[in-house]
Amino acid sequence: MPNRENQNQDDDLTNDKNTITPEIGIEIDGMSFNYKFFETLESLSKTYSQRKTAKELKVSHSVLNRRIKNAEDKLGEKLVITVGSGSELSEKGYELLDIYYKYKNRLEDREEIIIAGGHIITGLLQAISYDLPFKTLIYSSDDESAYELAKQDLVDILALDDPLLAFENDLNFTAIAYDHLVLISPNHGKAIERISDLEGLKFIGVKGSAQRLAWSTL
């Protein structure tokens, strides 16, 4: 049986508004660097002083030195250089800090809902965005590029002009608008007067467009 006391504690954790902050560790060339290392780089980039950074991070100067030295030994490169009476990140140090910021920014909460998708659907969403009860940032692109951003968790909503991409990648999607099929074909071909006349034709998608090309012989 579950412990009643533990269950109540779990309920309290669920009901309370807890502050949850992700701490980022990154693997570089098969070597792991935890969030404390990146906090050190971030602080040094602002204080230009190992003494001030150690005080800010509440660690001893020797612990800070060892943290930097261990990382430099792993990478085989200097990450911190002496400048006058202070310290500064090397070019490699700033490069690692930029990588850290890239992932950190992805995890930060934001007020706006980011939407990316095809030109047609994003134009529609832009037109109605002023009436929505939340703030949005809408980026217009082609379906494939927007899908790549979605795979990297850089957008909250992926909006597609063409559902073909969703079908091909087994995406769970909701249709929010419909369009009509307009068939343009030569008079001397197969007579197309109803949907059933499309049976037997081969269709291919056109990249960057919701159009289809169809043929009866190739």
Protein backbone atom coordinates (compact mmCIF):
# COMPACT_ATOMS: atom_id res chain seq x y z
CA MET A 1 0.00 0.00 0.00
CA PRO A 2 1.20 3.53 -0.65
CA ASN A 3 2.39 5.50 2.33
CA ARG A 4 -0.28 8.08 3.17
CA GLU A 5 2.28 10.62 4.38
CA ASN A 6 4.38 10.33 1.20
CA GLN A 7 1.26 10.57 -0.93
CA ASN A 8 0.24 13.80 0.80
CA GLN A 9 3.72 15.21 0.25
CA ASP A 10 3.49 14.38 -3.45
CA ASP A 11 0.10 16.09 -3.63
CA ASP A 12 1.56 19.20 -2.00
CA LEU A 13 4.38 19.30 -4.56
CA THR A 14 1.86 18.98 -7.38
CA ASN A 15 -0.49 21.64 -6.04
CA ASP A 16 2.10 24.24 -5.04
CA LYS A 17 3.53 26.60 -7.61
CA ASN A 18 7.10 25.36 -7.62
CA THR A 19 9.89 27.22 -9.35
CA ILE A 20 11.46 24.87 -11.87
CA THR A 21 14.70 25.97 -13.52
CA PRO A 22 16.51 23.67 -15.97
CA GLU A 23 20.26 23.27 -15.51
CA ILE A 24 22.11 22.60 -18.74
CA GLY A 25 24.95 20.14 -19.18
CA ILE A 26 26.45 19.67 -22.64
CA GLU A 27 28.50 16.88 -24.18
CA ILE A 28 31.30 18.07 -26.47
CA ASP A 29 33.33 15.55 -28.48
CA GLY A 30 32.19 12.79 -26.14
CA MET A 31 33.17 14.72 -23.00
CA SER A 32 30.52 15.95 -20.55
CA PHE A 33 30.52 19.42 -19.03
CA ASN A 34 27.95 20.19 -16.33
CA TYR A 35 26.05 23.40 -15.69
CA LYS A 36 28.55 24.55 -13.03
CA PHE A 37 31.25 24.81 -15.69
CA PHE A 38 29.06 26.94 -17.94
CA GLU A 39 27.99 29.11 -15.00
CA THR A 40 31.71 29.74 -14.45
CA LEU A 41 32.20 30.84 -18.07
CA GLU A 42 29.11 33.05 -17.91
CA SER A 43 30.23 34.76 -14.72
CA LEU A 44 33.81 35.28 -15.95
CA SER A 45 32.51 36.89 -19.14
CA LYS A 46 30.92 39.58 -16.95
CA THR A 47 33.28 39.98 -13.99
CA TYR A 48 36.65 39.57 -15.79
CA SER A 49 37.89 38.37 -12.40
CA GLN A 50 38.31 34.84 -11.06
CA ARG A 51 38.14 36.20 -7.52
CA LYS A 52 34.81 37.93 -8.15
CA THR A 53 33.47 34.89 -10.00
CA ALA A 54 34.41 32.58 -7.12
CA LYS A 55 32.61 34.92 -4.72
CA GLU A 56 29.56 35.14 -6.97
CA LEU A 57 29.33 31.35 -7.32
CA LYS A 58 30.09 30.85 -3.62
CA VAL A 59 33.07 28.55 -4.17
CA SER A 60 36.69 28.84 -3.12
CA HIS A 61 39.27 30.22 -5.52
CA SER A 62 41.02 26.84 -5.65
CA VAL A 63 37.77 25.05 -6.60
CA LEU A 64 37.18 27.56 -9.39
CA ASN A 65 40.74 27.16 -10.69
CA ARG A 66 40.43 23.39 -10.66
CA ARG A 67 37.10 23.56 -12.52
CA ILE A 68 38.66 25.65 -15.28
CA LYS A 69 41.87 23.61 -15.42
CA ASN A 70 39.99 20.29 -15.69
CA ALA A 71 37.94 21.61 -18.61
CA GLU A 72 41.05 22.95 -20.36
CA ASP A 73 42.80 19.59 -19.94
CA LYS A 74 39.81 17.77 -21.45
CA LEU A 75 39.63 20.05 -24.48
CA GLY A 76 43.35 20.65 -24.86
CA GLU A 77 42.76 24.39 -25.23
CA LYS A 78 42.94 27.49 -23.05
CA LEU A 79 39.51 28.74 -22.01
CA VAL A 80 40.59 31.58 -19.73
CA ILE A 81 43.46 33.99 -20.38
CA THR A 82 45.11 36.60 -18.19
CA VAL A 83 44.51 40.20 -19.24
CA GLY A 84 46.30 42.80 -17.12
CA SER A 85 45.30 42.13 -13.54
CA GLY A 86 42.15 40.24 -14.50
CA SER A 87 40.93 37.25 -16.48
CA GLU A 88 39.00 36.95 -19.71
CA LEU A 89 37.56 34.11 -21.74
CA SER A 90 39.61 32.98 -24.70
CA GLU A 91 38.08 32.67 -28.17
CA LYS A 92 37.31 29.01 -27.39
CA GLY A 93 35.77 30.01 -24.08
CA TYR A 94 33.39 32.43 -25.78
CA GLU A 95 32.58 29.79 -28.40
CA LEU A 96 31.50 27.36 -25.66
CA LEU A 97 29.52 30.11 -23.93
CA ASP A 98 27.64 30.84 -27.16
CA ILE A 99 26.71 27.14 -27.42
CA TYR A 100 25.47 27.24 -23.83
CA TYR A 101 23.35 30.35 -24.47
CA LYS A 102 21.83 28.76 -27.57
CA TYR A 103 20.43 25.87 -25.55
CA LYS A 104 19.62 28.00 -22.52
CA ASN A 105 17.48 30.36 -24.59
CA ARG A 106 15.46 27.43 -25.93
CA LEU A 107 14.50 26.40 -22.39
CA GLU A 108 13.47 29.81 -21.12
CA ASP A 109 9.79 30.51 -20.66
CA ARG A 110 8.33 33.09 -23.02
CA GLU A 111 5.01 34.91 -23.15
CA GLU A 112 4.53 34.60 -26.89
CA ILE A 113 3.49 31.46 -28.74
CA ILE A 114 5.85 30.97 -31.68
CA ILE A 115 4.24 29.77 -34.91
CA ALA A 116 6.11 28.87 -38.09
CA GLY A 117 4.73 27.52 -41.33
CA GLY A 118 3.88 27.99 -44.98
CA HIS A 119 3.19 31.39 -46.51
CA ILE A 120 -0.53 30.81 -47.03
CA ILE A 121 -1.51 29.53 -43.59
CA THR A 122 0.74 31.96 -41.71
CA GLY A 123 -0.85 34.82 -43.65
CA LEU A 124 -4.25 33.63 -42.45
CA LEU A 125 -3.02 33.27 -38.87
CA GLN A 126 -1.45 36.72 -38.99
CA ALA A 127 -4.79 38.21 -40.04
CA ILE A 128 -6.62 36.72 -37.05
CA SER A 129 -3.77 36.99 -34.53
CA TYR A 130 -4.97 40.37 -33.25
CA ASP A 131 -8.19 38.76 -32.04
CA LEU A 132 -6.48 35.87 -30.24
CA PRO A 133 -6.40 35.90 -26.41
CA PHE A 134 -2.61 35.37 -26.38
CA LYS A 135 0.49 36.92 -27.95
CA THR A 136 1.98 35.27 -31.01
CA LEU A 137 5.16 35.48 -33.05
CA ILE A 138 4.48 34.22 -36.57
CA TYR A 139 7.25 33.28 -39.00
CA SER A 140 6.40 32.69 -42.64
CA SER A 141 8.49 30.16 -44.55
CA ASP A 142 8.08 27.03 -46.63
CA ASP A 143 6.66 23.90 -45.01
CA GLU A 144 9.94 21.97 -45.05
CA SER A 145 11.96 24.71 -43.34
CA ALA A 146 9.27 25.23 -40.70
CA TYR A 147 9.19 21.48 -40.05
CA GLU A 148 12.96 21.45 -39.46
CA LEU A 149 12.53 24.20 -36.84
CA ALA A 150 9.74 22.21 -35.20
CA LYS A 151 11.95 19.11 -34.99
CA GLN A 152 14.46 21.20 -33.04
CA ASP A 153 11.72 22.38 -30.64
CA LEU A 154 12.16 25.99 -31.75
CA VAL A 155 8.46 26.60 -32.41
CA ASP A 156 5.30 25.95 -30.42
CA ILE A 157 2.95 25.46 -33.36
CA LEU A 158 3.81 24.12 -36.81
CA ALA A 159 1.35 25.36 -39.46
CA LEU A 160 1.46 23.63 -42.84
CA ASP A 161 0.10 24.76 -46.17
CA ASP A 162 0.22 21.21 -47.47
CA PRO A 163 -0.89 18.25 -45.31
CA LEU A 164 1.25 15.91 -47.42
CA LEU A 165 4.25 16.56 -45.16
CA ALA A 166 2.15 15.66 -42.11
CA PHE A 167 1.01 12.40 -43.69
CA GLU A 168 4.53 11.47 -44.79
CA ASN A 169 5.93 12.01 -41.29
CA ASP A 170 2.96 10.57 -39.39
CA LEU A 171 2.23 13.87 -37.61
CA ASN A 172 -0.87 14.30 -35.50
CA PHE A 173 -2.44 17.45 -36.91
CA THR A 174 -5.65 19.49 -36.79
CA ALA A 175 -7.10 20.99 -39.96
CA ILE A 176 -7.89 24.68 -39.40
CA ALA A 177 -8.71 25.70 -42.98
CA TYR A 178 -9.67 24.07 -46.24
CA ASP A 179 -8.98 24.93 -49.85
CA HIS A 180 -10.44 23.70 -53.12
CA LEU A 181 -8.78 21.54 -55.74
CA VAL A 182 -8.49 23.38 -59.03
CA LEU A 183 -7.58 21.03 -61.85
CA ILE A 184 -5.77 22.48 -64.85
CA SER A 185 -5.32 20.02 -67.71
CA PRO A 186 -5.25 20.04 -71.54
CA ASN A 187 -8.48 19.37 -73.39
CA HIS A 188 -7.02 16.44 -75.29
CA GLY A 189 -6.28 14.43 -72.17
CA LYS A 190 -8.55 12.35 -70.00
CA ALA A 191 -11.85 14.11 -69.35
CA ILE A 192 -12.05 15.15 -65.69
CA GLU A 193 -15.54 16.10 -64.62
CA ARG A 194 -15.81 14.61 -61.13
CA ILE A 195 -13.55 13.39 -58.33
CA SER A 196 -13.96 9.76 -59.38
CA ASP A 197 -12.34 10.62 -62.72
CA LEU A 198 -9.05 11.15 -60.85
CA GLU A 199 -8.79 7.44 -60.10
CA GLY A 200 -5.80 5.82 -61.77
CA LEU A 201 -3.83 9.06 -62.08
CA LYS A 202 -0.42 9.44 -60.45
CA PHE A 203 0.16 12.52 -58.30
CA ILE A 204 3.37 14.05 -57.03
CA GLY A 205 3.83 16.98 -54.69
CA VAL A 206 5.56 20.20 -55.70
CA LYS A 207 8.16 21.26 -53.14
CA GLY A 208 7.30 24.54 -51.45
CA SER A 209 3.74 24.46 -52.77
CA ALA A 210 0.43 22.75 -52.10
CA GLN A 211 0.08 22.05 -55.83
CA ARG A 212 0.08 18.57 -57.34
CA LEU A 213 1.23 17.34 -60.70
CA ALA A 214 -0.75 14.46 -62.17
CA TRP A 215 -0.29 12.27 -65.19
CA SER A 216 -1.89 9.20 -66.72
CA THR A 217 1.25 8.15 -68.68
CA LEU A 218 4.90 9.03 -68.20
